[in-house]
Amino acid sequence: MTRLSASFLSIALVVATLASAATVGPVGDILVANASVTLDGTTRPAVLSGGQFPGTTIIGNKGDRFQLNVVNNQFDPRMLQSTSIHWHGIFQNGTASYDGAAFITQCPIAHGNSFLYDFTVNQAGTFWYHSHLSTQYCDGLRGPMVVYDPQDPYLGYYDVDDESTVLTLADWYHTLAKQATGTPAPDSTLIQGLGRTATTLTAPLGVLTVQQGLRYRIRLINIACSPNYVFQIDGHTNLTIIEADGITTKPYTVDQITIFAGQRYSFILNANQAVGNYCALKISCPYVCAELMVTSIGIRANPSAGTKGFAGGINSAILRYVGAANADPTSTQDVSTNAFVEANMRPLDSPGAPLTPVSSGTPAKSFNFAISVVGIFPRLPFAHGTSSHTACTLAGERQIRDERRLLRPTYHPSAAADSFRSGGRTIASPHRLRIPPSQGQRHPGVDPRRRTGPSLSLTALKHPFHLHGHAFDVVRSAGSSVYNYVDPPRRDVVSTGNAGDNVTIRFVTNNDGPAWDDLCPAYNALSASDL
């Protein structure tokens, strides 16, 4: 099995100083700069980490102290020149100041300057990093981060787990973020950093190379700004999930995975098919996206809205067996009979949802978040420019006995705060509310006697909900009416479901400092609210 040792990590740092290394960490420089890239047949300027897209893969082992010096060498005034980096999924216990949320935990890093992020990671799993300054990561500043566990309970389940098995799904835009208006539609889907549009059908596709007879731990990461994707691999209908968002799960075998922005899954891919090229990614997204069709055997990622299908190889990549011809796939898409259902996923460690639920009593605190799209409003204040965006906001249903309510809008400074709340008082900017530590108990922000935790109700499109600094138990998943307090899925990004749906989570307030919930894809309003 391919593994990463401490000696390899030190060697990787030396290589990184000589060229744009494929990996860096746990100590090293993250070089952020502007360059022109051609990822889908169209050339545009971008913000890059390590001179590549996706950015340099950051690696380390559980327990490592990460010292990552972000050097901001940007110069292009057409894009944001300051930056900050969020390490998505890393709890930052005791080091919240290094979480990377611009204007919340730090000031942005000005161009020509650097900032050392210094934190210890006692987690293991699949993570990613991205700019947390306005919509900058849509211009390219995003990349994978993997923390390996030498004591992984599933070491015997796979033969290969290295940087070659990290698989990223991304949306790509030909219009620069500062110049975009409305809610822009992605021009292409990039898999492994490459893709096509309907007018660039000869552009190269991403390739995942496998050896027949080996088992691979594929680390699937949705690093998109907006879409969710439906992922599958032609001819490979037994994808065994063993991790979700850094949480080890019980083996869960599916033939198709729906993955929202910010989510990650590790699954075991058994390369047991005949040698060939397999279309292995099919993606669907809730926003307007392009699509791909491959003409052999390959990878598909089909967006959930906009142009759909895989004609000409859009929304696709190639799973290529060693010995197969260098050609586009010609496989056909499998009909899914065993699609991923979040409510069916179980964590390997299942202490159950916090405390014993009862059906009566008045909660001391109740958080009911109603999310809605509120229309067009002035551009994010630190993005500059004069164009506008559609915002998604929290409607302000923070129900507490003192009747304080969320939230003060940060992206519409010209609007009166009262227009965003349903009663009570608006908390002054920055719109944070204090939740007391749970002192070892699981504290969902409600009386622990109650059956419910924070409920997320969507009134428009599906949205990913991400909680910084914590993982949470999803006691009720989107599309389900069942509450699971015994062994609910645990993760740090969840879909809020369709209009009128209900998602209920519980989590432990064991990480002092601010906790942030990113409710909307970046192009709708990055960092929509702060808890």
Protein backbone atom coordinates (compact mmCIF):
# COMPACT_ATOMS: atom_id res chain seq x y z
CA MET A 1 0.00 0.00 0.00
CA THR A 2 1.32 3.45 -0.89
CA ARG A 3 1.69 5.51 2.26
CA LEU A 4 3.36 8.77 3.28
CA SER A 5 6.07 8.61 5.91
CA ALA A 6 7.69 11.38 7.94
CA SER A 7 10.82 11.10 5.80
CA PHE A 8 8.76 11.57 2.66
CA LEU A 9 7.19 14.68 4.15
CA SER A 10 10.60 16.26 4.71
CA ILE A 11 11.67 15.37 1.18
CA ALA A 12 8.48 16.92 -0.18
CA LEU A 13 9.40 20.21 1.44
CA VAL A 14 12.77 20.25 -0.31
CA VAL A 15 11.13 19.55 -3.64
CA ALA A 16 8.62 22.33 -2.99
CA THR A 17 11.43 24.85 -2.72
CA LEU A 18 12.75 23.85 -6.14
CA ALA A 19 9.53 23.72 -8.14
CA SER A 20 5.76 23.71 -7.83
CA ALA A 21 5.49 20.47 -5.89
CA ALA A 22 2.42 18.30 -6.08
CA THR A 23 2.32 18.22 -2.27
CA VAL A 24 3.53 20.25 0.68
CA GLY A 25 3.24 19.86 4.43
CA PRO A 26 2.96 19.73 7.31
CA VAL A 27 5.51 22.56 7.19
CA GLY A 28 6.07 24.71 4.15
CA ASP A 29 5.13 27.68 2.02
CA ILE A 30 1.83 28.11 0.20
CA LEU A 31 2.63 30.45 -2.67
CA VAL A 32 -0.40 32.43 -3.86
CA ALA A 33 0.02 34.21 -7.18
CA ASN A 34 -1.77 35.21 -10.37
CA ALA A 35 -1.26 33.38 -13.64
CA SER A 36 -3.20 32.57 -16.80
CA VAL A 37 -4.53 29.02 -17.06
CA THR A 38 -6.31 26.99 -19.74
CA LEU A 39 -8.36 24.39 -17.89
CA ASP A 40 -11.34 23.83 -20.21
CA GLY A 41 -10.01 25.10 -23.53
CA THR A 42 -10.47 28.76 -22.62
CA THR A 43 -7.64 30.85 -21.16
CA ARG A 44 -8.29 33.22 -18.27
CA PRO A 45 -6.29 34.77 -15.39
CA ALA A 46 -6.62 33.06 -12.03
CA VAL A 47 -5.55 33.06 -8.39
CA LEU A 48 -3.47 29.93 -7.83
CA SER A 49 -1.83 28.06 -5.00
CA GLY A 50 1.52 26.63 -6.04
CA GLY A 51 0.97 27.78 -9.61
CA GLN A 52 -1.66 25.13 -10.33
CA PHE A 53 -5.35 24.27 -10.17
CA PRO A 54 -6.43 22.66 -8.00
CA GLY A 55 -3.87 24.11 -5.65
CA THR A 56 -0.94 22.24 -4.17
CA THR A 57 -2.14 19.27 -2.11
CA ILE A 58 -1.35 19.76 1.58
CA ILE A 59 -0.50 16.55 3.44
CA GLY A 60 0.40 15.44 6.93
CA ASN A 61 -0.32 12.84 9.57
CA LYS A 62 -2.74 12.87 12.48
CA GLY A 63 -1.12 14.73 15.36
CA ASP A 64 1.18 16.81 13.16
CA ARG A 65 1.79 20.47 13.83
CA PHE A 66 1.07 22.30 10.59
CA GLN A 67 3.06 25.47 9.96
CA LEU A 68 1.91 26.80 6.61
CA ASN A 69 3.28 30.14 5.52
CA VAL A 70 0.90 31.72 3.01
CA VAL A 71 2.92 34.05 0.79
CA ASN A 72 0.71 36.46 -1.14
CA ASN A 73 2.41 37.34 -4.43
CA GLN A 74 -0.72 38.50 -6.26
CA PHE A 75 -0.46 41.48 -8.57
CA ASP A 76 -3.51 41.42 -10.90
CA PRO A 77 -5.94 44.25 -10.01
CA ARG A 78 -8.74 42.52 -11.92
CA MET A 79 -9.02 40.11 -9.00
CA LEU A 80 -8.90 40.53 -5.23
CA GLN A 81 -5.27 41.00 -4.25
CA SER A 82 -5.62 40.35 -0.53
CA THR A 83 -6.44 36.87 0.70
CA SER A 84 -7.00 34.55 3.66
CA ILE A 85 -7.08 30.76 3.79
CA HIS A 86 -9.68 28.61 5.55
CA TRP A 87 -8.73 25.01 6.33
CA HIS A 88 -12.12 23.45 5.70
CA GLY A 89 -13.02 20.77 8.23
CA ILE A 90 -10.10 21.40 10.59
CA PHE A 91 -11.53 22.08 14.04
CA GLN A 92 -8.80 24.51 15.18
CA ASN A 93 -9.24 23.56 18.83
CA GLY A 94 -7.48 26.32 20.74
CA THR A 95 -6.29 27.98 17.53
CA ALA A 96 -9.42 29.67 16.20
CA SER A 97 -7.32 32.65 15.15
CA TYR A 98 -5.89 30.47 12.36
CA ASP A 99 -9.26 29.41 10.95
CA GLY A 100 -8.81 31.88 8.11
CA ALA A 101 -12.20 33.60 7.99
CA ALA A 102 -11.37 37.11 6.77
CA PHE A 103 -12.64 39.93 9.00
CA ILE A 104 -13.73 37.40 11.63
CA THR A 105 -10.59 35.63 12.83
CA GLN A 106 -8.00 37.67 10.96
CA CYS A 107 -7.39 40.60 8.68
CA PRO A 108 -6.77 39.58 5.06
CA ILE A 109 -3.17 39.08 3.97
CA ALA A 110 -2.24 42.06 1.80
CA HIS A 111 -0.40 41.39 -1.44
CA GLY A 112 3.35 41.42 -0.94
CA ASN A 113 2.94 40.02 2.58
CA SER A 114 2.79 36.61 4.22
CA PHE A 115 1.03 35.02 7.18
CA LEU A 116 2.04 31.89 9.10
CA TYR A 117 -0.83 29.57 9.99
CA ASP A 118 0.31 27.46 12.95
CA PHE A 119 -2.01 24.75 14.26
CA THR A 120 -1.97 21.12 15.36
CA VAL A 121 -4.37 18.65 13.75
CA ASN A 122 -5.59 15.79 15.91
CA GLN A 123 -8.02 14.69 13.23
CA ALA A 124 -7.58 12.45 10.21
CA GLY A 125 -9.39 12.35 6.91
CA THR A 126 -10.08 14.33 3.77
CA PHE A 127 -10.21 18.11 3.94
CA TRP A 128 -9.57 21.07 1.66
CA TYR A 129 -8.49 24.67 1.81
CA HIS A 130 -9.74 27.77 0.05
CA SER A 131 -9.73 31.52 0.14
CA HIS A 132 -12.21 32.84 2.68
CA LEU A 133 -12.29 36.37 1.32
CA SER A 134 -15.50 37.16 -0.53
CA THR A 135 -15.79 35.11 -3.75
CA GLN A 136 -12.04 34.87 -4.36
CA TYR A 137 -11.89 31.10 -4.33
CA CYS A 138 -14.10 31.07 -7.43
CA ASP A 139 -11.11 32.63 -9.22
CA GLY A 140 -9.08 29.54 -8.38
CA LEU A 141 -7.65 29.62 -4.86
CA ARG A 142 -8.77 26.18 -3.64
CA GLY A 143 -7.04 22.85 -3.15
CA PRO A 144 -7.05 19.48 -1.32
CA MET A 145 -5.75 18.75 2.16
CA VAL A 146 -5.28 15.21 3.45
CA VAL A 147 -4.39 14.15 6.99
CA TYR A 148 -3.38 10.50 7.08
CA ASP A 149 -3.96 8.19 10.02
CA PRO A 150 -1.20 5.60 10.57
CA GLN A 151 -3.76 3.69 12.66
CA ASP A 152 -6.56 3.88 10.09
CA PRO A 153 -8.97 1.03 10.91
CA TYR A 154 -9.45 0.44 7.17
CA LEU A 155 -5.78 0.10 6.20
CA GLY A 156 -6.44 -3.47 5.10
CA TYR A 157 -9.28 -2.42 2.79
CA TYR A 158 -7.15 -0.68 0.16
CA ASP A 159 -3.74 -0.89 -1.49
CA VAL A 160 -3.19 2.69 -2.68
CA ASP A 161 -3.87 5.97 -0.86
CA ASP A 162 -1.72 8.90 -1.95
CA GLU A 163 -1.98 12.22 -3.78
CA SER A 164 -2.86 10.39 -7.01
CA THR A 165 -6.14 9.17 -5.51
CA VAL A 166 -7.39 12.62 -4.47
CA LEU A 167 -10.24 13.48 -6.85
CA THR A 168 -11.55 17.05 -7.00
CA LEU A 169 -14.79 18.30 -8.56
CA ALA A 170 -14.97 22.01 -9.34
CA ASP A 171 -17.01 24.55 -11.23
CA TRP A 172 -15.14 26.99 -13.48
CA TYR A 173 -16.06 30.46 -14.69
CA HIS A 174 -14.72 32.39 -17.66
CA THR A 175 -15.82 35.68 -16.08
CA LEU A 176 -13.69 36.94 -13.22
CA ALA A 177 -15.49 37.09 -9.87
CA LYS A 178 -15.21 40.88 -9.54
CA GLN A 179 -16.78 41.30 -12.98
CA ALA A 180 -19.61 38.81 -12.55
CA THR A 181 -23.22 39.96 -12.26
CA GLY A 182 -26.19 38.20 -10.78
CA THR A 183 -25.56 34.58 -9.89
CA PRO A 184 -23.24 33.45 -12.68
CA ALA A 185 -23.54 30.01 -14.23
CA PRO A 186 -20.41 27.86 -14.32
CA ASP A 187 -18.97 27.56 -17.81
CA SER A 188 -17.62 24.07 -17.18
CA THR A 189 -17.07 21.28 -14.71
CA LEU A 190 -13.45 20.49 -13.89
CA ILE A 191 -12.48 17.04 -12.68
CA GLN A 192 -8.87 16.81 -11.56
CA GLY A 193 -8.57 20.40 -12.77
CA LEU A 194 -9.56 19.75 -16.39
CA GLY A 195 -12.79 19.84 -18.36
CA ARG A 196 -14.55 20.88 -21.54
CA THR A 197 -17.28 23.17 -22.75
CA ALA A 198 -19.62 22.63 -25.69
CA THR A 199 -17.24 24.71 -27.82
CA THR A 200 -13.95 23.16 -26.62
CA LEU A 201 -14.58 19.46 -27.15
CA THR A 202 -10.92 18.68 -27.89
CA ALA A 203 -9.68 20.00 -24.54
CA PRO A 204 -7.99 17.28 -22.45
CA LEU A 205 -9.91 15.52 -19.70
CA GLY A 206 -8.66 14.65 -16.25
CA VAL A 207 -7.33 11.11 -15.91
CA LEU A 208 -7.30 8.82 -12.88
CA THR A 209 -4.96 5.90 -13.63
CA VAL A 210 -5.43 2.55 -11.88
CA GLN A 211 -3.78 -0.87 -12.01
CA GLN A 212 -6.08 -3.82 -12.53
CA GLY A 213 -6.40 -5.90 -9.39
CA LEU A 214 -5.59 -3.15 -6.90
CA ARG A 215 -7.91 -1.41 -4.46
CA TYR A 216 -7.83 2.38 -4.23
CA ARG A 217 -8.95 4.77 -1.53
CA ILE A 218 -10.44 7.59 -3.60
CA ARG A 219 -10.76 10.88 -1.72
CA LEU A 220 -13.59 12.74 -3.47
CA ILE A 221 -13.82 16.48 -2.71
CA ASN A 222 -16.36 18.99 -3.99
CA ILE A 223 -14.35 22.23 -4.12
CA ALA A 224 -17.03 24.04 -6.13
CA CYS A 225 -18.32 27.54 -5.46
CA SER A 226 -21.89 26.60 -6.26
CA PRO A 227 -23.02 23.23 -7.64
CA ASN A 228 -23.56 19.88 -6.06
CA TYR A 229 -22.79 16.85 -8.18
CA VAL A 230 -24.07 13.34 -8.75
CA PHE A 231 -20.97 11.21 -9.09
CA GLN A 232 -20.57 7.73 -10.52
CA ILE A 233 -18.09 5.56 -12.39
CA ASP A 234 -19.23 3.54 -15.36
CA GLY A 235 -18.87 -0.19 -14.82
CA HIS A 236 -17.95 0.24 -11.15
CA THR A 237 -21.14 0.00 -9.15
CA ASN A 238 -19.66 -0.94 -5.77
CA LEU A 239 -18.23 2.24 -4.28
CA THR A 240 -17.70 1.58 -0.57
CA ILE A 241 -17.76 4.78 1.48
CA ILE A 242 -15.51 4.69 4.57
CA GLU A 243 -15.29 8.40 5.43
CA ALA A 244 -17.45 11.51 5.20
CA ASP A 245 -16.07 14.98 6.00
CA GLY A 246 -13.22 13.63 8.11
CA ILE A 247 -15.45 11.22 10.05
CA THR A 248 -14.76 7.49 9.63
CA THR A 249 -17.94 5.66 8.70
CA LYS A 250 -19.07 2.09 8.70
CA PRO A 251 -18.61 0.64 5.19
CA TYR A 252 -21.52 1.81 3.04
CA THR A 253 -21.62 0.57 -0.55
CA VAL A 254 -23.40 2.62 -3.23
CA ASP A 255 -23.29 3.06 -7.00
CA GLN A 256 -23.80 6.83 -7.04
CA ILE A 257 -22.85 9.67 -4.67
CA THR A 258 -24.48 13.09 -4.39
CA ILE A 259 -21.87 15.50 -3.07
CA PHE A 260 -22.48 19.14 -2.10
CA ALA A 261 -20.00 22.00 -2.11
CA GLY A 262 -17.52 21.51 0.71
CA GLN A 263 -18.35 17.84 1.29
CA ARG A 264 -15.80 15.04 1.09
CA TYR A 265 -16.06 11.26 0.84
CA SER A 266 -13.49 8.49 0.86
CA PHE A 267 -14.59 5.37 -0.96
CA ILE A 268 -12.90 2.13 -1.93
CA LEU A 269 -12.62 1.59 -5.67
CA ASN A 270 -11.85 -1.99 -6.63
CA ALA A 271 -10.12 -1.91 -10.03
CA ASN A 272 -11.50 -5.28 -11.01
CA GLN A 273 -12.85 -4.55 -14.48
CA ALA A 274 -11.35 -5.31 -17.86
CA VAL A 275 -8.55 -2.98 -18.95
CA GLY A 276 -10.08 0.10 -20.56
CA ASN A 277 -11.07 3.74 -20.21
CA TYR A 278 -14.07 4.26 -17.94
CA CYS A 279 -16.26 7.33 -17.75
CA ALA A 280 -16.24 7.67 -14.00
CA LEU A 281 -17.79 10.99 -13.11
CA LYS A 282 -21.32 12.15 -13.56
CA ILE A 283 -22.30 15.36 -11.83
CA SER A 284 -25.51 17.24 -11.27
CA CYS A 285 -25.68 20.66 -9.63
CA PRO A 286 -28.48 22.92 -8.34
CA TYR A 287 -27.25 25.88 -10.32
CA VAL A 288 -26.72 26.45 -14.02
CA CYS A 289 -23.81 24.29 -15.12
CA ALA A 290 -22.36 22.74 -18.24
CA GLU A 291 -22.21 18.99 -18.82
CA LEU A 292 -20.04 16.32 -20.40
CA MET A 293 -20.30 13.05 -22.28
CA VAL A 294 -17.41 10.67 -22.81
CA THR A 295 -17.14 8.18 -25.67
CA SER A 296 -15.43 5.24 -23.98
CA ILE A 297 -15.31 4.17 -20.33
CA GLY A 298 -14.80 7.00 -17.88
CA ILE A 299 -15.82 9.32 -15.07
CA ARG A 300 -18.96 11.49 -15.00
CA ALA A 301 -20.01 14.49 -12.93
CA ASN A 302 -23.43 15.79 -13.91
CA PRO A 303 -24.59 19.23 -12.68
CA SER A 304 -28.02 19.38 -11.09
CA ALA A 305 -29.18 22.40 -13.09
CA GLY A 306 -28.44 24.07 -16.37
CA THR A 307 -27.22 22.16 -19.41
CA LYS A 308 -27.30 18.47 -18.61
CA GLY A 309 -25.84 15.40 -20.24
CA PHE A 310 -22.35 14.31 -21.23
CA ALA A 311 -22.19 15.05 -24.95
CA GLY A 312 -18.67 15.52 -26.23
CA GLY A 313 -17.04 14.73 -22.90
CA ILE A 314 -18.27 17.65 -20.81
CA ASN A 315 -18.72 17.00 -17.06
CA SER A 316 -16.48 13.97 -17.41
CA ALA A 317 -13.07 12.54 -16.69
CA ILE A 318 -11.37 9.24 -17.46
CA LEU A 319 -10.69 6.24 -15.24
CA ARG A 320 -7.86 4.65 -17.20
CA TYR A 321 -6.52 1.20 -16.48
CA VAL A 322 -2.80 0.73 -17.04
CA GLY A 323 -2.47 -0.70 -20.54
CA ALA A 324 -5.59 0.99 -21.93
CA ALA A 325 -5.40 3.16 -25.04
CA ASN A 326 -4.92 6.90 -24.67
CA ALA A 327 -8.45 7.73 -25.75
CA ASP A 328 -11.73 9.13 -24.52
CA PRO A 329 -14.05 6.62 -22.85
CA THR A 330 -16.80 4.94 -24.84
CA SER A 331 -18.68 3.35 -21.93
CA THR A 332 -22.35 3.94 -21.29
CA GLN A 333 -23.82 5.42 -18.16
CA ASP A 334 -25.07 2.87 -15.63
CA VAL A 335 -28.61 3.12 -14.31
CA SER A 336 -28.32 3.69 -10.59
CA THR A 337 -30.08 1.13 -8.39
CA ASN A 338 -28.27 1.86 -5.12
CA ALA A 339 -27.78 5.61 -4.85
CA PHE A 340 -26.30 7.25 -1.77
CA VAL A 341 -28.79 8.20 0.96
CA GLU A 342 -27.28 10.27 3.75
CA ALA A 343 -29.64 8.91 6.39
CA ASN A 344 -28.29 5.41 5.70
CA MET A 345 -24.71 6.37 6.52
CA ARG A 346 -23.37 5.47 9.97
CA PRO A 347 -20.23 6.68 11.76
CA LEU A 348 -17.84 3.95 12.84
CA ASP A 349 -17.82 5.41 16.33
CA SER A 350 -21.50 5.77 17.23
CA PRO A 351 -22.08 7.21 20.69
CA GLY A 352 -25.49 8.35 19.51
CA ALA A 353 -27.04 11.79 19.48
CA PRO A 354 -26.69 13.70 22.75
CA LEU A 355 -28.76 12.69 25.76
CA THR A 356 -32.16 11.03 25.93
CA PRO A 357 -34.91 12.78 23.97
CA VAL A 358 -38.33 13.37 25.43
CA SER A 359 -41.50 14.48 23.71
CA SER A 360 -42.51 17.30 26.05
CA GLY A 361 -41.09 20.33 27.80
CA THR A 362 -40.09 23.81 26.75
CA PRO A 363 -36.62 24.27 25.27
CA ALA A 364 -34.38 26.79 26.98
CA LYS A 365 -33.03 27.81 23.60
CA SER A 366 -34.21 27.04 20.11
CA PHE A 367 -32.53 27.91 16.83
CA ASN A 368 -34.76 27.71 13.78
CA PHE A 369 -32.93 28.85 10.67
CA ALA A 370 -35.09 29.71 7.68
CA ILE A 371 -32.95 30.22 4.59
CA SER A 372 -34.22 32.12 1.59
CA VAL A 373 -33.02 33.86 -1.53
CA VAL A 374 -33.75 37.57 -1.13
CA GLY A 375 -32.99 38.86 -4.61
CA ILE A 376 -30.41 41.20 -6.05
CA PHE A 377 -28.37 43.45 -3.79
CA PRO A 378 -25.13 45.45 -4.02
CA ARG A 379 -21.94 43.50 -4.51
CA LEU A 380 -20.12 42.12 -1.52
CA PRO A 381 -18.44 45.13 0.10
CA PHE A 382 -14.89 43.80 -0.09
CA ALA A 383 -15.24 42.52 -3.64
CA HIS A 384 -15.56 46.09 -4.97
CA GLY A 385 -17.01 46.75 -8.41
CA THR A 386 -20.54 47.81 -9.24
CA SER A 387 -22.25 44.59 -10.25
CA SER A 388 -24.76 42.76 -8.10
CA HIS A 389 -25.41 39.29 -6.74
CA THR A 390 -28.33 37.27 -5.50
CA ALA A 391 -27.97 36.79 -1.77
CA CYS A 392 -29.09 33.98 0.40
CA THR A 393 -29.54 34.90 4.03
CA LEU A 394 -30.66 33.57 7.36
CA ALA A 395 -34.15 34.85 7.92
CA GLY A 396 -33.42 35.61 11.56
CA GLU A 397 -35.23 32.90 13.48
CA ARG A 398 -33.02 32.75 16.55
CA GLN A 399 -35.60 32.07 19.25
CA ILE A 400 -34.35 32.71 22.78
CA ARG A 401 -36.19 33.83 25.84
CA ASP A 402 -34.50 37.23 25.82
CA GLU A 403 -35.84 37.55 22.26
CA ARG A 404 -32.54 38.56 20.68
CA ARG A 405 -32.50 37.41 17.09
CA LEU A 406 -30.17 36.88 14.18
CA LEU A 407 -28.88 38.51 12.17
CA ARG A 408 -27.35 41.79 11.10
CA PRO A 409 -26.70 41.72 7.35
CA THR A 410 -23.05 42.18 6.42
CA TYR A 411 -23.48 42.21 2.66
CA HIS A 412 -26.17 44.88 2.41
CA PRO A 413 -24.85 47.81 4.44
CA SER A 414 -27.35 50.23 2.93
CA ALA A 415 -30.37 48.29 4.19
CA ALA A 416 -31.85 48.77 7.61
CA ALA A 417 -31.16 45.85 9.91
CA ASP A 418 -34.82 45.69 10.88
CA SER A 419 -35.73 44.63 7.35
CA PHE A 420 -33.90 41.35 7.89
CA ARG A 421 -35.42 40.23 11.15
CA SER A 422 -38.78 38.96 12.23
CA GLY A 423 -38.88 40.60 15.64
CA GLY A 424 -36.84 41.25 18.76
CA ARG A 425 -33.42 42.86 18.51
CA THR A 426 -30.71 42.56 15.92
CA ILE A 427 -27.29 41.67 17.29
CA ALA A 428 -24.74 44.35 16.41
CA SER A 429 -22.04 43.71 13.83
CA PRO A 430 -20.28 41.39 13.69
CA HIS A 431 -23.44 39.34 14.06
CA ARG A 432 -22.24 36.77 16.55
CA LEU A 433 -24.14 35.24 19.40
CA ARG A 434 -22.59 33.53 22.38
CA ILE A 435 -23.30 29.87 23.02
CA PRO A 436 -21.92 28.63 26.36
CA PRO A 437 -19.53 25.66 26.31
CA SER A 438 -21.29 22.39 26.97
CA GLN A 439 -18.73 21.26 29.56
CA GLY A 440 -18.47 17.81 28.09
CA GLN A 441 -22.12 17.44 27.16
CA ARG A 442 -23.48 17.57 23.64
CA HIS A 443 -25.15 20.92 23.34
CA PRO A 444 -27.22 21.64 20.25
CA GLY A 445 -28.35 25.06 21.40
CA VAL A 446 -31.56 23.63 22.86
CA ASP A 447 -32.67 22.07 26.10
CA PRO A 448 -31.11 18.57 25.97
CA ARG A 449 -34.44 17.04 27.00
CA ARG A 450 -35.92 17.96 23.65
CA ARG A 451 -36.04 15.74 20.61
CA THR A 452 -34.90 18.46 18.25
CA GLY A 453 -31.74 20.44 17.67
CA PRO A 454 -31.10 23.37 15.34
CA SER A 455 -33.43 22.96 12.37
CA LEU A 456 -32.52 24.18 8.91
CA SER A 457 -35.47 24.94 6.67
CA LEU A 458 -34.93 25.90 3.05
CA THR A 459 -37.34 28.08 1.13
CA ALA A 460 -35.57 28.02 -2.24
CA LEU A 461 -32.71 25.98 -3.68
CA LYS A 462 -30.72 23.29 -1.90
CA HIS A 463 -27.84 24.72 0.08
CA PRO A 464 -24.85 23.23 1.85
CA PHE A 465 -24.57 24.15 5.53
CA HIS A 466 -21.02 24.10 6.97
CA LEU A 467 -20.17 24.60 10.63
CA HIS A 468 -16.62 25.75 11.34
CA GLY A 469 -14.84 24.23 14.32
CA HIS A 470 -17.18 21.27 14.77
CA ALA A 471 -18.70 18.16 13.32
CA PHE A 472 -22.37 17.54 14.04
CA ASP A 473 -24.85 14.67 14.24
CA VAL A 474 -27.48 14.85 11.50
CA VAL A 475 -30.39 13.45 13.48
CA ARG A 476 -32.76 14.24 10.62
CA SER A 477 -31.49 14.35 7.04
CA ALA A 478 -32.94 16.19 4.06
CA GLY A 479 -35.73 14.21 2.45
CA SER A 480 -36.41 12.21 5.60
CA SER A 481 -39.04 12.57 8.31
CA VAL A 482 -37.25 10.18 10.69
CA TYR A 483 -35.19 11.30 13.68
CA ASN A 484 -32.20 9.06 14.45
CA TYR A 485 -30.72 9.53 17.93
CA VAL A 486 -28.94 6.18 18.06
CA ASP A 487 -26.33 6.30 15.29
CA PRO A 488 -26.97 9.37 13.10
CA PRO A 489 -24.58 10.43 10.33
CA ARG A 490 -21.85 12.75 11.54
CA ARG A 491 -20.17 15.35 9.32
CA ASP A 492 -19.41 19.08 8.95
CA VAL A 493 -21.36 19.93 5.75
CA VAL A 494 -25.00 19.00 5.21
CA SER A 495 -27.57 19.72 2.52
CA THR A 496 -30.57 21.68 3.74
CA GLY A 497 -32.77 19.87 1.23
CA ASN A 498 -35.62 21.05 -0.94
CA ALA A 499 -38.02 23.90 -0.25
CA GLY A 500 -39.89 23.24 2.99
CA ASP A 501 -37.54 20.44 4.03
CA ASN A 502 -36.22 20.07 7.57
CA VAL A 503 -32.69 19.12 8.60
CA THR A 504 -31.91 18.77 12.30
CA ILE A 505 -28.39 18.63 13.72
CA ARG A 506 -26.81 18.31 17.15
CA PHE A 507 -23.26 19.13 18.13
CA VAL A 508 -21.03 19.59 21.15
CA THR A 509 -19.97 23.15 21.99
CA ASN A 510 -16.52 21.98 23.03
CA ASN A 511 -14.45 24.41 20.97
CA ASP A 512 -14.27 27.84 22.60
CA GLY A 513 -14.36 30.78 20.25
CA PRO A 514 -16.59 31.75 17.37
CA ALA A 515 -18.34 29.07 15.36
CA TRP A 516 -19.22 29.89 11.79
CA ASP A 517 -21.88 28.47 9.54
CA ASP A 518 -21.41 28.98 5.81
CA LEU A 519 -24.90 28.55 4.50
CA CYS A 520 -24.63 29.48 0.86
CA PRO A 521 -22.41 28.55 -2.03
CA ALA A 522 -19.78 31.22 -2.57
CA TYR A 523 -21.47 32.82 -5.54
CA ASN A 524 -24.70 33.31 -3.59
CA ALA A 525 -23.02 34.82 -0.54
CA LEU A 526 -19.90 33.32 0.93
CA SER A 527 -20.00 33.19 4.74
CA ALA A 528 -23.66 34.05 4.89
CA SER A 529 -23.75 34.20 8.67
CA ASP A 530 -21.72 33.63 11.80
CA LEU A 531 -22.88 31.71 14.80
